C-alpha atoms as a PDB file:
ATOM      1  CA  MET A   1      -4.085  34.898  22.555  1.00  0.00           C
ATOM      2  CA  LYS A   2      -0.306  34.938  23.089  1.00  0.00           C
ATOM      3  CA  HIS A   3      -0.774  34.589  26.856  1.00  0.00           C
ATOM      4  CA  LEU A   4      -3.210  31.677  26.357  1.00  0.00           C
ATOM      5  CA  THR A   5      -0.650  29.846  24.205  1.00  0.00           C
ATOM      6  CA  ILE A   6       2.086  30.351  26.780  1.00  0.00           C
ATOM      7  CA  LEU A   7      -0.254  29.044  29.497  1.00  0.00           C
ATOM      8  CA  ILE A   8      -1.080  25.897  27.495  1.00  0.00           C
ATOM      9  CA  CYS A   9       2.572  25.104  26.806  1.00  0.00           C
ATOM     10  CA  ALA A  10       3.602  25.843  30.406  1.00  0.00           C
ATOM     11  CA  THR A  11       0.847  23.553  31.685  1.00  0.00           C
ATOM     12  CA  LEU A  12       2.064  20.715  29.458  1.00  0.00           C
ATOM     13  CA  LEU A  13       5.616  21.205  30.709  1.00  0.00           C
ATOM     14  CA  SER A  14       4.608  21.170  34.364  1.00  0.00           C
ATOM     15  CA  VAL A  15       2.322  18.162  33.995  1.00  0.00           C
ATOM     16  CA  GLY A  16       5.153  16.227  32.347  1.00  0.00           C
ATOM     17  CA  LEU A  17       7.234  16.476  35.519  1.00  0.00           C
ATOM     18  CA  PHE A  18       4.562  14.808  37.667  1.00  0.00           C
ATOM     19  CA  ALA A  19       3.046  12.272  35.235  1.00  0.00           C
ATOM     20  CA  GLN A  20       1.749   9.041  36.755  1.00  0.00           C
ATOM     21  CA  GLU A  21       1.692   5.514  35.383  1.00  0.00           C
ATOM     22  CA  VAL A  22      -1.245   4.814  33.070  1.00  0.00           C
ATOM     23  CA  ASP A  23      -2.215   2.051  30.672  1.00  0.00           C
ATOM     24  CA  MET A  24      -0.019   2.191  27.563  1.00  0.00           C
ATOM     25  CA  LEU A  25      -2.700   0.572  25.392  1.00  0.00           C
ATOM     26  CA  SER A  26      -5.801   2.218  24.021  1.00  0.00           C
ATOM     27  CA  LYS A  27      -9.241   0.653  24.510  1.00  0.00           C
ATOM     28  CA  ARG A  28      -8.766  -1.064  21.150  1.00  0.00           C
ATOM     29  CA  GLY A  29      -5.391  -2.475  22.182  1.00  0.00           C
ATOM     30  CA  GLU A  30      -3.255  -0.027  20.214  1.00  0.00           C
ATOM     31  CA  MET A  31       0.127   1.116  21.525  1.00  0.00           C
ATOM     32  CA  ILE A  32      -0.111   4.763  22.603  1.00  0.00           C
ATOM     33  CA  LEU A  33       3.581   5.662  22.776  1.00  0.00           C
ATOM     34  CA  PRO A  34       6.035   5.363  19.866  1.00  0.00           C
ATOM     35  CA  GLN A  35       8.532   2.526  19.784  1.00  0.00           C
ATOM     36  CA  GLN A  36      12.099   2.059  18.621  1.00  0.00           C
ATOM     37  CA  GLY A  37      12.406   2.304  14.827  1.00  0.00           C
ATOM     38  CA  GLU A  38       9.259   4.397  14.356  1.00  0.00           C
ATOM     39  CA  MET A  39       9.136   7.813  12.731  1.00  0.00           C
ATOM     40  CA  ALA A  40       7.025  10.931  13.205  1.00  0.00           C
ATOM     41  CA  LEU A  41       6.009  13.935  11.133  1.00  0.00           C
ATOM     42  CA  GLY A  42       5.212  17.210  12.845  1.00  0.00           C
ATOM     43  CA  ILE A  43       3.691  20.570  12.036  1.00  0.00           C
ATOM     44  CA  ASP A  44       3.480  23.805  13.986  1.00  0.00           C
ATOM     45  CA  ALA A  45       0.171  24.103  15.859  1.00  0.00           C
ATOM     46  CA  MET A  46       0.332  27.899  16.111  1.00  0.00           C
ATOM     47  CA  PRO A  47      -1.944  28.506  13.089  1.00  0.00           C
ATOM     48  CA  VAL A  48      -4.592  26.365  14.833  1.00  0.00           C
ATOM     49  CA  PHE A  49      -4.375  28.464  18.009  1.00  0.00           C
ATOM     50  CA  GLY A  50      -4.470  31.584  15.847  1.00  0.00           C
ATOM     51  CA  TYR A  51      -7.688  30.385  14.196  1.00  0.00           C
ATOM     52  CA  PHE A  52      -9.436  29.758  17.509  1.00  0.00           C
ATOM     53  CA  GLY A  53      -8.130  33.068  18.809  1.00  0.00           C
ATOM     54  CA  ASP A  54      -9.775  34.823  15.877  1.00  0.00           C
ATOM     55  CA  LEU A  55     -12.944  32.778  16.459  1.00  0.00           C
ATOM     56  CA  PHE A  56     -13.299  33.665  20.143  1.00  0.00           C
ATOM     57  CA  ASN A  57     -12.247  37.310  20.178  1.00  0.00           C
ATOM     58  CA  GLY A  58     -13.734  38.350  16.854  1.00  0.00           C
ATOM     59  CA  THR A  59     -10.460  39.574  15.326  1.00  0.00           C
ATOM     60  CA  VAL A  60      -8.123  38.352  12.628  1.00  0.00           C
ATOM     61  CA  GLY A  61      -4.379  38.061  12.337  1.00  0.00           C
ATOM     62  CA  ASN A  62      -3.577  37.203  15.955  1.00  0.00           C
ATOM     63  CA  ASN A  63       0.171  36.892  16.418  1.00  0.00           C
ATOM     64  CA  THR A  64       0.809  33.585  18.192  1.00  0.00           C
ATOM     65  CA  ASN A  65       4.299  32.903  16.872  1.00  0.00           C
ATOM     66  CA  PHE A  66       6.151  34.569  19.740  1.00  0.00           C
ATOM     67  CA  GLY A  67       9.530  32.964  19.269  1.00  0.00           C
ATOM     68  CA  PHE A  68      11.844  31.759  16.533  1.00  0.00           C
ATOM     69  CA  VAL A  69      15.448  30.989  15.756  1.00  0.00           C
ATOM     70  CA  ASN A  70      16.882  32.134  12.399  1.00  0.00           C
ATOM     71  CA  GLY A  71      13.385  32.039  10.945  1.00  0.00           C
ATOM     72  CA  LEU A  72      13.398  28.239  11.088  1.00  0.00           C
ATOM     73  CA  TYR A  73      10.610  27.688  13.619  1.00  0.00           C
ATOM     74  CA  ASN A  74       7.312  28.833  12.203  1.00  0.00           C
ATOM     75  CA  ALA A  75       4.254  27.614  10.313  1.00  0.00           C
ATOM     76  CA  ASN A  76       6.379  26.890   7.211  1.00  0.00           C
ATOM     77  CA  THR A  77       8.581  24.307   8.911  1.00  0.00           C
ATOM     78  CA  ILE A  78       8.258  20.513   8.684  1.00  0.00           C
ATOM     79  CA  TYR A  79       9.603  18.294  11.480  1.00  0.00           C
ATOM     80  CA  VAL A  80      10.737  14.684  11.085  1.00  0.00           C
ATOM     81  CA  LYS A  81      11.645  12.487  14.064  1.00  0.00           C
ATOM     82  CA  TYR A  82      13.131   8.985  14.251  1.00  0.00           C
ATOM     83  CA  TYR A  83      13.269   6.874  17.421  1.00  0.00           C
ATOM     84  CA  LEU A  84      16.689   5.295  17.924  1.00  0.00           C
ATOM     85  CA  GLU A  85      15.315   3.680  21.091  1.00  0.00           C
ATOM     86  CA  ASP A  86      11.946   3.771  22.830  1.00  0.00           C
ATOM     87  CA  GLN A  87      13.019   6.927  24.702  1.00  0.00           C
ATOM     88  CA  VAL A  88      15.757   8.335  22.453  1.00  0.00           C
ATOM     89  CA  ALA A  89      15.062  10.126  19.179  1.00  0.00           C
ATOM     90  CA  ILE A  90      16.671  12.417  16.640  1.00  0.00           C
ATOM     91  CA  ARG A  91      14.546  15.209  15.179  1.00  0.00           C
ATOM     92  CA  GLY A  92      15.217  17.137  12.008  1.00  0.00           C
ATOM     93  CA  ALA A  93      13.607  20.326  10.742  1.00  0.00           C
ATOM     94  CA  VAL A  94      13.693  21.817   7.268  1.00  0.00           C
ATOM     95  CA  ARG A  95      12.340  24.925   5.625  1.00  0.00           C
ATOM     96  CA  ILE A  96      12.752  25.615   1.904  1.00  0.00           C
ATOM     97  CA  GLY A  97      11.141  28.825   0.701  1.00  0.00           C
ATOM     98  CA  TYR A  98      11.260  30.761  -2.577  1.00  0.00           C
ATOM     99  CA  GLU A  99       9.475  34.010  -3.339  1.00  0.00           C
ATOM    100  CA  ASN A 100       9.223  36.037  -6.562  1.00  0.00           C
ATOM    101  CA  TRP A 101       6.982  38.972  -7.332  1.00  0.00           C
ATOM    102  CA  ILE A 102       6.854  41.880  -9.780  1.00  0.00           C
ATOM    103  CA  ASP A 103       5.460  45.398  -9.335  1.00  0.00           C
ATOM    104  CA  LYS A 104       4.825  47.581 -12.406  1.00  0.00           C
ATOM    105  CA  GLU A 105       4.014  51.285 -12.233  1.00  0.00           C
ATOM    106  CA  PHE A 106       3.302  53.969 -14.845  1.00  0.00           C
ATOM    107  CA  VAL A 107       5.312  57.211 -14.966  1.00  0.00           C
ATOM    108  CA  THR A 108       5.154  60.203 -17.269  1.00  0.00           C
ATOM    109  CA  MET A 109       7.237  59.801 -20.413  1.00  0.00           C
ATOM    110  CA  ASP A 110      10.075  62.309 -20.806  1.00  0.00           C
ATOM    111  CA  GLN A 111       9.271  64.740 -23.632  1.00  0.00           C
ATOM    112  CA  GLN A 112      10.198  68.271 -24.605  1.00  0.00           C
ATOM    113  CA  ILE A 113       6.571  69.204 -23.946  1.00  0.00           C
ATOM    114  CA  PRO A 114       5.422  66.908 -21.077  1.00  0.00           C
ATOM    115  CA  ASP A 115       2.095  65.161 -21.576  1.00  0.00           C
ATOM    116  CA  PRO A 116       0.814  63.328 -18.443  1.00  0.00           C
ATOM    117  CA  LEU A 117      -1.327  61.107 -20.651  1.00  0.00           C
ATOM    118  CA  VAL A 118       1.738  59.627 -22.355  1.00  0.00           C
ATOM    119  CA  GLN A 119       3.352  57.126 -19.987  1.00  0.00           C
ATOM    120  CA  VAL A 120       6.008  54.457 -19.776  1.00  0.00           C
ATOM    121  CA  THR A 121       6.339  51.527 -17.359  1.00  0.00           C
ATOM    122  CA  ASP A 122       8.863  51.043 -14.547  1.00  0.00           C
ATOM    123  CA  LYS A 123       9.252  47.541 -13.109  1.00  0.00           C
ATOM    124  CA  TYR A 124      10.481  46.255  -9.751  1.00  0.00           C
ATOM    125  CA  THR A 125      11.292  42.530  -9.356  1.00  0.00           C
ATOM    126  CA  PHE A 126      11.985  40.887  -6.010  1.00  0.00           C
ATOM    127  CA  ASN A 127      13.016  37.294  -5.362  1.00  0.00           C
ATOM    128  CA  SER A 128      14.394  35.518  -2.324  1.00  0.00           C
ATOM    129  CA  THR A 129      15.435  32.056  -1.196  1.00  0.00           C
ATOM    130  CA  ASN A 130      15.281  30.916   2.419  1.00  0.00           C
ATOM    131  CA  ILE A 131      16.747  27.554   3.429  1.00  0.00           C
ATOM    132  CA  GLY A 132      16.923  26.274   6.985  1.00  0.00           C
ATOM    133  CA  VAL A 133      18.035  22.832   8.184  1.00  0.00           C
ATOM    134  CA  GLY A 134      18.864  21.441  11.586  1.00  0.00           C
ATOM    135  CA  ALA A 135      18.624  18.523  13.985  1.00  0.00           C
ATOM    136  CA  ASP A 136      18.175  17.758  17.689  1.00  0.00           C
ATOM    137  CA  TYR A 137      19.114  14.752  19.790  1.00  0.00           C
ATOM    138  CA  LEU A 138      16.272  14.142  22.281  1.00  0.00           C
ATOM    139  CA  MET A 139      15.991  11.903  25.341  1.00  0.00           C
ATOM    140  CA  TYR A 140      12.556  11.146  26.839  1.00  0.00           C
ATOM    141  CA  ARG A 141      11.573  10.592  30.438  1.00  0.00           C
ATOM    142  CA  GLY A 142       8.079  10.016  31.798  1.00  0.00           C
ATOM    143  CA  LYS A 143       5.252   7.646  32.584  1.00  0.00           C
ATOM    144  CA  GLY A 144       1.937   7.445  30.858  1.00  0.00           C
ATOM    145  CA  ARG A 145       0.689   9.669  28.096  1.00  0.00           C
ATOM    146  CA  VAL A 146       2.812  12.636  29.161  1.00  0.00           C
ATOM    147  CA  GLN A 147       6.459  12.374  28.121  1.00  0.00           C
ATOM    148  CA  GLY A 148       9.030  14.983  29.071  1.00  0.00           C
ATOM    149  CA  TYR A 149      12.211  15.304  27.028  1.00  0.00           C
ATOM    150  CA  TYR A 150      15.498  17.186  26.895  1.00  0.00           C
ATOM    151  CA  GLY A 151      18.409  17.462  24.500  1.00  0.00           C
ATOM    152  CA  GLY A 152      20.006  19.836  22.027  1.00  0.00           C
ATOM    153  CA  GLY A 153      21.198  20.391  18.512  1.00  0.00           C
ATOM    154  CA  ALA A 154      22.443  22.752  15.816  1.00  0.00           C
ATOM    155  CA  PHE A 155      20.725  24.683  13.031  1.00  0.00           C
ATOM    156  CA  ILE A 156      21.867  26.476   9.894  1.00  0.00           C
ATOM    157  CA  ASN A 157      19.923  29.147   8.014  1.00  0.00           C
ATOM    158  CA  TYR A 158      20.790  30.666   4.617  1.00  0.00           C
ATOM    159  CA  ASN A 159      18.935  33.484   2.887  1.00  0.00           C
ATOM    160  CA  SER A 160      19.559  35.323  -0.367  1.00  0.00           C
ATOM    161  CA  TRP A 161      17.476  38.068  -1.968  1.00  0.00           C
ATOM    162  CA  ARG A 162      17.624  40.350  -4.992  1.00  0.00           C
ATOM    163  CA  ASP A 163      15.926  43.643  -5.948  1.00  0.00           C
ATOM    164  CA  SER A 164      15.988  44.520  -9.661  1.00  0.00           C
ATOM    165  CA  TYR A 165      14.688  47.726 -11.278  1.00  0.00           C
ATOM    166  CA  THR A 166      14.055  48.628 -14.922  1.00  0.00           C
ATOM    167  CA  TYR A 167      12.970  52.101 -16.001  1.00  0.00           C
ATOM    168  CA  GLY A 168      10.981  53.266 -18.991  1.00  0.00           C
ATOM    169  CA  ASN A 169      12.781  56.626 -19.176  1.00  0.00           C
ATOM    170  CA  PRO A 170      16.545  56.229 -19.706  1.00  0.00           C
ATOM    171  CA  ILE A 171      19.114  58.726 -18.461  1.00  0.00           C
ATOM    172  CA  THR A 172      20.322  60.638 -21.530  1.00  0.00           C
ATOM    173  CA  THR A 173      22.101  63.849 -22.389  1.00  0.00           C
ATOM    174  CA  GLN A 174      18.752  65.410 -23.227  1.00  0.00           C
ATOM    175  CA  PHE A 175      17.011  64.066 -20.115  1.00  0.00           C
ATOM    176  CA  SER A 176      19.734  63.764 -17.479  1.00  0.00           C
ATOM    177  CA  SER A 177      17.159  63.873 -14.654  1.00  0.00           C
ATOM    178  CA  PRO A 178      14.358  61.640 -15.966  1.00  0.00           C
ATOM    179  CA  ASN A 179      11.038  60.735 -14.384  1.00  0.00           C
ATOM    180  CA  TRP A 180      11.054  57.367 -12.628  1.00  0.00           C
ATOM    181  CA  PHE A 181       9.092  55.509  -9.970  1.00  0.00           C
ATOM    182  CA  ASP A 182      10.767  55.208  -6.567  1.00  0.00           C
ATOM    183  CA  PHE A 183       9.679  51.804  -5.207  1.00  0.00           C
ATOM    184  CA  GLU A 184      11.380  52.327  -1.824  1.00  0.00           C
ATOM    185  CA  ILE A 185       8.931  52.518   1.094  1.00  0.00           C
ATOM    186  CA  ASN A 186       8.260  55.871   2.743  1.00  0.00           C
ATOM    187  CA  PRO A 187       8.574  55.232   6.515  1.00  0.00           C
ATOM    188  CA  LEU A 188       6.014  57.944   7.260  1.00  0.00           C
ATOM    189  CA  THR A 189       3.226  56.523   5.094  1.00  0.00           C
ATOM    190  CA  GLY A 190       4.219  52.879   4.530  1.00  0.00           C
ATOM    191  CA  ASP A 191       3.736  53.362   0.764  1.00  0.00           C
ATOM    192  CA  PRO A 192       6.273  53.726  -2.077  1.00  0.00           C
ATOM    193  CA  PHE A 193       7.619  57.242  -2.589  1.00  0.00           C
ATOM    194  CA  GLY A 194       6.046  57.232  -6.050  1.00  0.00           C
ATOM    195  CA  GLU A 195       7.033  59.164  -9.170  1.00  0.00           C
ATOM    196  CA  VAL A 196      10.134  61.301  -8.770  1.00  0.00           C
ATOM    197  CA  SER A 197      12.822  62.779 -11.000  1.00  0.00           C
ATOM    198  CA  GLY A 198      16.563  62.571 -10.554  1.00  0.00           C
ATOM    199  CA  GLY A 199      19.882  61.680 -12.102  1.00  0.00           C
ATOM    200  CA  GLU A 200      20.749  58.739  -9.810  1.00  0.00           C
ATOM    201  CA  ARG A 201      18.791  55.540  -9.148  1.00  0.00           C
ATOM    202  CA  ILE A 202      19.264  51.911  -8.134  1.00  0.00           C
ATOM    203  CA  LEU A 203      19.425  49.242 -10.825  1.00  0.00           C
ATOM    204  CA  GLU A 204      19.985  46.237  -8.583  1.00  0.00           C
ATOM    205  CA  GLN A 205      20.803  45.287  -5.024  1.00  0.00           C
ATOM    206  CA  TYR A 206      21.228  41.824  -3.617  1.00  0.00           C
ATOM    207  CA  SER A 207      22.465  39.817  -0.691  1.00  0.00           C
ATOM    208  CA  ASN A 208      23.977  36.380  -1.135  1.00  0.00           C
ATOM    209  CA  ASN A 209      25.680  36.031   2.224  1.00  0.00           C
ATOM    210  CA  ASP A 210      22.968  36.002   4.886  1.00  0.00           C
ATOM    211  CA  PHE A 211      24.121  33.028   6.930  1.00  0.00           C
ATOM    212  CA  GLY A 212      23.352  31.988  10.500  1.00  0.00           C
ATOM    213  CA  ILE A 213      24.257  29.175  12.896  1.00  0.00           C
ATOM    214  CA  THR A 214      22.443  28.344  16.124  1.00  0.00           C
ATOM    215  CA  LEU A 215      23.573  25.970  18.874  1.00  0.00           C
ATOM    216  CA  ARG A 216      20.958  25.295  21.527  1.00  0.00           C
ATOM    217  CA  GLY A 217      19.594  23.070  24.265  1.00  0.00           C
ATOM    218  CA  VAL A 218      15.889  22.316  24.752  1.00  0.00           C
ATOM    219  CA  ILE A 219      13.457  20.949  27.320  1.00  0.00           C
ATOM    220  CA  GLY A 220       9.876  20.104  26.504  1.00  0.00           C
ATOM    221  CA  VAL A 221       6.932  17.769  26.838  1.00  0.00           C
ATOM    222  CA  GLU A 222       4.585  15.805  24.589  1.00  0.00           C
ATOM    223  CA  TYR A 223       1.096  14.630  25.515  1.00  0.00           C
ATOM    224  CA  PHE A 224      -0.255  11.613  23.597  1.00  0.00           C
ATOM    225  CA  PHE A 225      -3.981  12.311  23.485  1.00  0.00           C
ATOM    226  CA  ALA A 226      -4.502   9.454  20.988  1.00  0.00           C
ATOM    227  CA  PRO A 227      -2.414   6.445  19.914  1.00  0.00           C
ATOM    228  CA  LYS A 228       0.756   7.764  18.228  1.00  0.00           C
ATOM    229  CA  ILE A 229      -0.607  11.350  18.032  1.00  0.00           C
ATOM    230  CA  SER A 230       0.782  14.003  20.353  1.00  0.00           C
ATOM    231  CA  VAL A 231       0.804  17.717  21.041  1.00  0.00           C
ATOM    232  CA  GLY A 232       3.695  19.403  22.757  1.00  0.00           C
ATOM    233  CA  GLY A 233       5.740  22.457  23.461  1.00  0.00           C
ATOM    234  CA  GLU A 234       9.295  23.276  24.402  1.00  0.00           C
ATOM    235  CA  MET A 235      11.612  25.970  25.654  1.00  0.00           C
ATOM    236  CA  GLY A 236      15.346  26.310  25.192  1.00  0.00           C
ATOM    237  CA  LEU A 237      18.543  28.308  25.382  1.00  0.00           C
ATOM    238  CA  GLY A 238      20.411  29.118  22.205  1.00  0.00           C
ATOM    239  CA  ILE A 239      23.637  30.733  21.025  1.00  0.00           C
ATOM    240  CA  ASN A 240      23.177  32.442  17.655  1.00  0.00           C
ATOM    241  CA  PHE A 241      25.798  33.665  15.173  1.00  0.00           C
ATOM    242  CA  ASN A 242      24.608  35.501  12.068  1.00  0.00           C
ATOM    243  CA  GLN A 243      26.150  37.631   9.312  1.00  0.00           C
ATOM    244  CA  ASP A 244      24.982  39.161   6.065  1.00  0.00           C
ATOM    245  CA  GLY A 245      26.246  41.304   3.208  1.00  0.00           C
ATOM    246  CA  GLY A 246      25.733  42.033  -0.480  1.00  0.00           C
ATOM    247  CA  PHE A 247      26.126  44.480  -3.342  1.00  0.00           C
ATOM    248  CA  GLN A 248      24.292  47.427  -4.894  1.00  0.00           C
ATOM    249  CA  THR A 249      24.417  48.704  -8.471  1.00  0.00           C
ATOM    250  CA  VAL A 250      23.362  52.282  -9.300  1.00  0.00           C
ATOM    251  CA  GLU A 251      23.347  54.440 -12.407  1.00  0.00           C
ATOM    252  CA  ARG A 252      23.924  58.193 -12.336  1.00  0.00           C
ATOM    253  CA  TRP A 253      24.516  61.172 -14.580  1.00  0.00           C
ATOM    254  CA  THR A 254      28.023  62.542 -14.032  1.00  0.00           C
ATOM    255  CA  GLY A 255      27.493  65.737 -16.027  1.00  0.00           C
ATOM    256  CA  THR A 256      28.948  64.310 -19.215  1.00  0.00           C
ATOM    257  CA  GLU A 257      27.854  60.651 -19.318  1.00  0.00           C
ATOM    258  CA  VAL A 258      25.928  57.848 -17.612  1.00  0.00           C
ATOM    259  CA  GLU A 259      27.973  55.977 -15.016  1.00  0.00           C
ATOM    260  CA  VAL A 260      27.087  52.533 -13.649  1.00  0.00           C
ATOM    261  CA  GLU A 261      28.757  51.623 -10.354  1.00  0.00           C
ATOM    262  CA  THR A 262      28.574  48.526  -8.139  1.00  0.00           C
ATOM    263  CA  THR A 263      29.475  48.873  -4.451  1.00  0.00           C
ATOM    264  CA  GLU A 264      29.583  46.411  -1.597  1.00  0.00           C
ATOM    265  CA  LEU A 265      26.920  46.722   1.104  1.00  0.00           C
ATOM    266  CA  PRO A 266      28.044  46.758   4.755  1.00  0.00           C
ATOM    267  CA  HIS A 267      28.540  43.364   6.383  1.00  0.00           C
ATOM    268  CA  ASP A 268      26.451  43.008   9.537  1.00  0.00           C
ATOM    269  CA  ASN A 269      27.263  40.513  12.276  1.00  0.00           C
ATOM    270  CA  PHE A 270      25.112  39.333  15.159  1.00  0.00           C
ATOM    271  CA  LYS A 271      25.924  37.225  18.202  1.00  0.00           C
ATOM    272  CA  GLY A 272      23.509  36.516  21.013  1.00  0.00           C
ATOM    273  CA  VAL A 273      22.423  34.162  23.766  1.00  0.00           C
ATOM    274  CA  ASP A 274      18.785  34.040  24.799  1.00  0.00           C
ATOM    275  CA  ASN A 275      15.825  31.906  25.802  1.00  0.00           C
ATOM    276  CA  PHE A 276      13.410  31.124  23.006  1.00  0.00           C
ATOM    277  CA  THR A 277      10.414  29.003  22.117  1.00  0.00           C
ATOM    278  CA  SER A 278      10.874  26.426  19.389  1.00  0.00           C
ATOM    279  CA  ALA A 279       7.737  25.552  17.463  1.00  0.00           C
ATOM    280  CA  SER A 280       5.902  27.038  20.454  1.00  0.00           C
ATOM    281  CA  CYS A 281       3.315  24.250  20.329  1.00  0.00           C
ATOM    282  CA  PHE A 282       3.319  21.455  17.762  1.00  0.00           C
ATOM    283  CA  ILE A 283       1.437  18.344  16.637  1.00  0.00           C
ATOM    284  CA  MET A 284       3.290  15.090  15.899  1.00  0.00           C
ATOM    285  CA  PHE A 285       1.985  12.034  14.012  1.00  0.00           C
ATOM    286  CA  HIS A 286       3.909   8.800  14.650  1.00  0.00           C
ATOM    287  CA  PHE A 287       3.936   5.700  12.458  1.00  0.00           C
END
């Protein structure tokens, strides 16, 4: 399915370079191409290709999103375009995402005489915010229904997340190594580690400094298969700068008391230059 998508987008790009003059009016006299002052709304067409891929090959979950920048280009992104001139437009993209979920698990209650039937509840809460905004300046060139374009822009992505844990069995002098549920994922099984016992555990960890900037240039093509409705695809070259960091709070038994400590997580930095696909193939509605 991935190869089929690449072939479709590459075909659109190549056709755009050799487009010939055609009638710019539909059979009903409607203008096919957008004009100065008009706007457009766009969505990613990859879910549509994924659906037909599942339909034809009898599988589900085909991965057709083979490129992204800072998580901005995917099925959750909305595109807005405004035509400054007939063949000059600015295009903005925005993604605003929020996620919150809670996992509760039972563990054996700490007692002098353990009884597996007596349990308490441990709770894990996760929430995250993902915000991405950006804009491109695009210039169009072509004849007929196929319009090639080129340009560039800048994008900013911000993400914050928080893990919070509450435990039914506290760390005490009597039970300095209580039973608790380890929600961390076991890399060997892909499941949580499950019920464990120990005198140190995480209370909270969070990142509030995951920030990225991308500068890039693009080249692409749109095909207007109906008046003011187009499909297209594009390729580009981008320079990406990204950094993240955060904090972690743990509680532990020191031998005489419970200690709560907050430490800073390592700050990671990323810099890179690479080709990418932006909204690999998309659908635009002009009005």
